[in-house]
Amino acid sequence: MKRKEIKDLHTKTIDELKKALEDLRNDVGQLKIDKAVGKVKNVNEARQKKKDIARIYTILTEKIKEVNNG
C-alpha cells in the first residue's frame, strides 16, 4: 500500500474499513488457492495483502476507541 492510500484509510468510516477488510480477506483466500494450483506469478502478493489487513485492523481499532471515548 502506498503512503497516500494509507492516509486515505484514515478518512474512511468504520463500515468502509470493514468492507475493505472483507475484500482483502477474500483476496488472500483466492491467492492461496491460486498459489496451490500454480497460477500465481507474484508469490509475495498474499504477504503484502496480509500486511494491509493488519494496517486496516490498526486503523479500525483506533477509530473504535475514538468513538467510545467520545
C-alpha atoms as a PDB file:
ATOM      1  CA  MET A   1       0.000   0.000   0.000  1.00  0.00           C
ATOM      2  CA  LYS A   2       1.291   3.426  -0.854  1.00  0.00           C
ATOM      3  CA  ARG A   3       1.532   6.186   1.700  1.00  0.00           C
ATOM      4  CA  LYS A   4      -1.373   8.107   0.122  1.00  0.00           C
ATOM      5  CA  GLU A   5      -3.589   5.009   0.255  1.00  0.00           C
ATOM      6  CA  ILE A   6      -2.788   4.590   3.941  1.00  0.00           C
ATOM      7  CA  LYS A   7      -3.713   8.226   4.599  1.00  0.00           C
ATOM      8  CA  ASP A   8      -6.972   7.671   2.714  1.00  0.00           C
ATOM      9  CA  LEU A   9      -7.788   4.783   5.043  1.00  0.00           C
ATOM     10  CA  HIS A  10      -7.776   7.206   7.970  1.00  0.00           C
ATOM     11  CA  THR A  11     -10.560   9.231   6.339  1.00  0.00           C
ATOM     12  CA  LYS A  12     -12.847   6.248   5.784  1.00  0.00           C
ATOM     13  CA  THR A  13     -15.685   5.313   8.104  1.00  0.00           C
ATOM     14  CA  ILE A  14     -15.761   2.175  10.221  1.00  0.00           C
ATOM     15  CA  ASP A  15     -18.158   0.457   7.807  1.00  0.00           C
ATOM     16  CA  GLU A  16     -15.952   1.265   4.817  1.00  0.00           C
ATOM     17  CA  LEU A  17     -12.924  -0.144   6.647  1.00  0.00           C
ATOM     18  CA  LYS A  18     -14.816  -3.334   7.466  1.00  0.00           C
ATOM     19  CA  LYS A  19     -15.753  -3.699   3.791  1.00  0.00           C
ATOM     20  CA  ALA A  20     -12.136  -3.184   2.715  1.00  0.00           C
ATOM     21  CA  LEU A  21     -11.069  -5.746   5.296  1.00  0.00           C
ATOM     22  CA  GLU A  22     -13.547  -8.278   3.964  1.00  0.00           C
ATOM     23  CA  ASP A  23     -12.367  -7.706   0.396  1.00  0.00           C
ATOM     24  CA  LEU A  24      -8.714  -8.174   1.336  1.00  0.00           C
ATOM     25  CA  ARG A  25      -9.505 -11.380   3.234  1.00  0.00           C
ATOM     26  CA  ASN A  26     -11.262 -12.757   0.163  1.00  0.00           C
ATOM     27  CA  ASP A  27      -8.284 -11.775  -1.992  1.00  0.00           C
ATOM     28  CA  VAL A  28      -5.860 -13.575   0.320  1.00  0.00           C
ATOM     29  CA  GLY A  29      -8.007 -16.693   0.268  1.00  0.00           C
ATOM     30  CA  GLN A  30      -8.170 -16.660  -3.506  1.00  0.00           C
ATOM     31  CA  LEU A  31      -4.401 -16.094  -3.744  1.00  0.00           C
ATOM     32  CA  LYS A  32      -3.798 -19.128  -1.523  1.00  0.00           C
ATOM     33  CA  ILE A  33      -5.923 -21.249  -3.829  1.00  0.00           C
ATOM     34  CA  ASP A  34      -4.239 -19.866  -6.934  1.00  0.00           C
ATOM     35  CA  LYS A  35      -0.799 -20.433  -5.403  1.00  0.00           C
ATOM     36  CA  ALA A  36      -1.634 -24.074  -4.691  1.00  0.00           C
ATOM     37  CA  VAL A  37      -2.786 -24.548  -8.280  1.00  0.00           C
ATOM     38  CA  GLY A  38       0.230 -22.705  -9.673  1.00  0.00           C
ATOM     39  CA  LYS A  39      -1.491 -19.684 -11.218  1.00  0.00           C
ATOM     40  CA  VAL A  40       0.253 -17.021  -9.133  1.00  0.00           C
ATOM     41  CA  LYS A  41       3.378 -15.387 -10.502  1.00  0.00           C
ATOM     42  CA  ASN A  42       3.924 -12.953  -7.627  1.00  0.00           C
ATOM     43  CA  VAL A  43       4.021 -15.156  -4.538  1.00  0.00           C
ATOM     44  CA  ASN A  44       4.653 -12.174  -2.232  1.00  0.00           C
ATOM     45  CA  GLU A  45       1.305 -10.601  -3.070  1.00  0.00           C
ATOM     46  CA  ALA A  46      -0.512 -12.572  -0.355  1.00  0.00           C
ATOM     47  CA  ARG A  47       2.072 -11.476   2.190  1.00  0.00           C
ATOM     48  CA  GLN A  48       1.589  -7.828   1.232  1.00  0.00           C
ATOM     49  CA  LYS A  49      -2.187  -8.137   1.471  1.00  0.00           C
ATOM     50  CA  LYS A  50      -1.841  -9.610   4.965  1.00  0.00           C
ATOM     51  CA  LYS A  51       0.163  -6.547   5.958  1.00  0.00           C
ATOM     52  CA  ASP A  52      -2.583  -4.349   4.515  1.00  0.00           C
ATOM     53  CA  ILE A  53      -5.125  -6.270   6.607  1.00  0.00           C
ATOM     54  CA  ALA A  54      -3.043  -5.548   9.712  1.00  0.00           C
ATOM     55  CA  ARG A  55      -2.927  -1.843   8.820  1.00  0.00           C
ATOM     56  CA  ILE A  56      -6.689  -1.724   8.449  1.00  0.00           C
ATOM     57  CA  TYR A  57      -7.173  -3.524  11.771  1.00  0.00           C
ATOM     58  CA  THR A  58      -4.949  -0.941  13.461  1.00  0.00           C
ATOM     59  CA  ILE A  59      -6.860   1.990  11.978  1.00  0.00           C
ATOM     60  CA  LEU A  60     -10.175   0.308  12.773  1.00  0.00           C
ATOM     61  CA  THR A  61      -9.154  -0.169  16.406  1.00  0.00           C
ATOM     62  CA  GLU A  62      -8.126   3.495  16.643  1.00  0.00           C
ATOM     63  CA  LYS A  63     -11.458   4.633  15.213  1.00  0.00           C
ATOM     64  CA  ILE A  64     -13.480   2.398  17.549  1.00  0.00           C
ATOM     65  CA  LYS A  65     -11.563   3.699  20.588  1.00  0.00           C
ATOM     66  CA  GLU A  66     -12.111   7.253  19.368  1.00  0.00           C
ATOM     67  CA  VAL A  67     -15.865   6.680  19.090  1.00  0.00           C
ATOM     68  CA  ASN A  68     -16.107   5.020  22.503  1.00  0.00           C
ATOM     69  CA  ASN A  69     -14.123   7.756  24.255  1.00  0.00           C
ATOM     70  CA  GLY A  70     -16.250  10.417  22.653  1.00  0.00           C
END
